[in-house]
């Protein structure tokens, strides 16, 4: 463990001890899922036909905060981010859950089901705890 800690000594990484399965589950969410969501947003915007400068100019606070994070992810090491996606055996569960969540949200919107949409937002609020 000392050797491993030494490898990360001069980084911002915080090390904790967890078993391998828990590690993969955690990293599938805290690295894989958020990277995947940001990569998907970046690719969606890039192929959307509107120049970045125009979107940035038209975007509000939420758009700017999210795309600032997306830009940070996009400009990271491609090989590292590919391996984070490729090597975690828990990856597909998070990706499938993201797609399912998008479909559920869009289903509520498309059907005009305001109550279902509100329930989804409320579930997120309960998960994250008190408002910031």
Foldseek 3Di string as FASTA:
>chain_A
DVVVCVVCVPDPDDDDDDDPVVVLVVLLPPPVLVLVVLCVVVVCVVPVPDDPVVCVVPDDDVVVVSVVVSVVSVPDDPVVSVCSQPVRPCNVVSVVVVVVVVCQCVVCVVVVPPVSNVVVVVVVDVVVDDDD
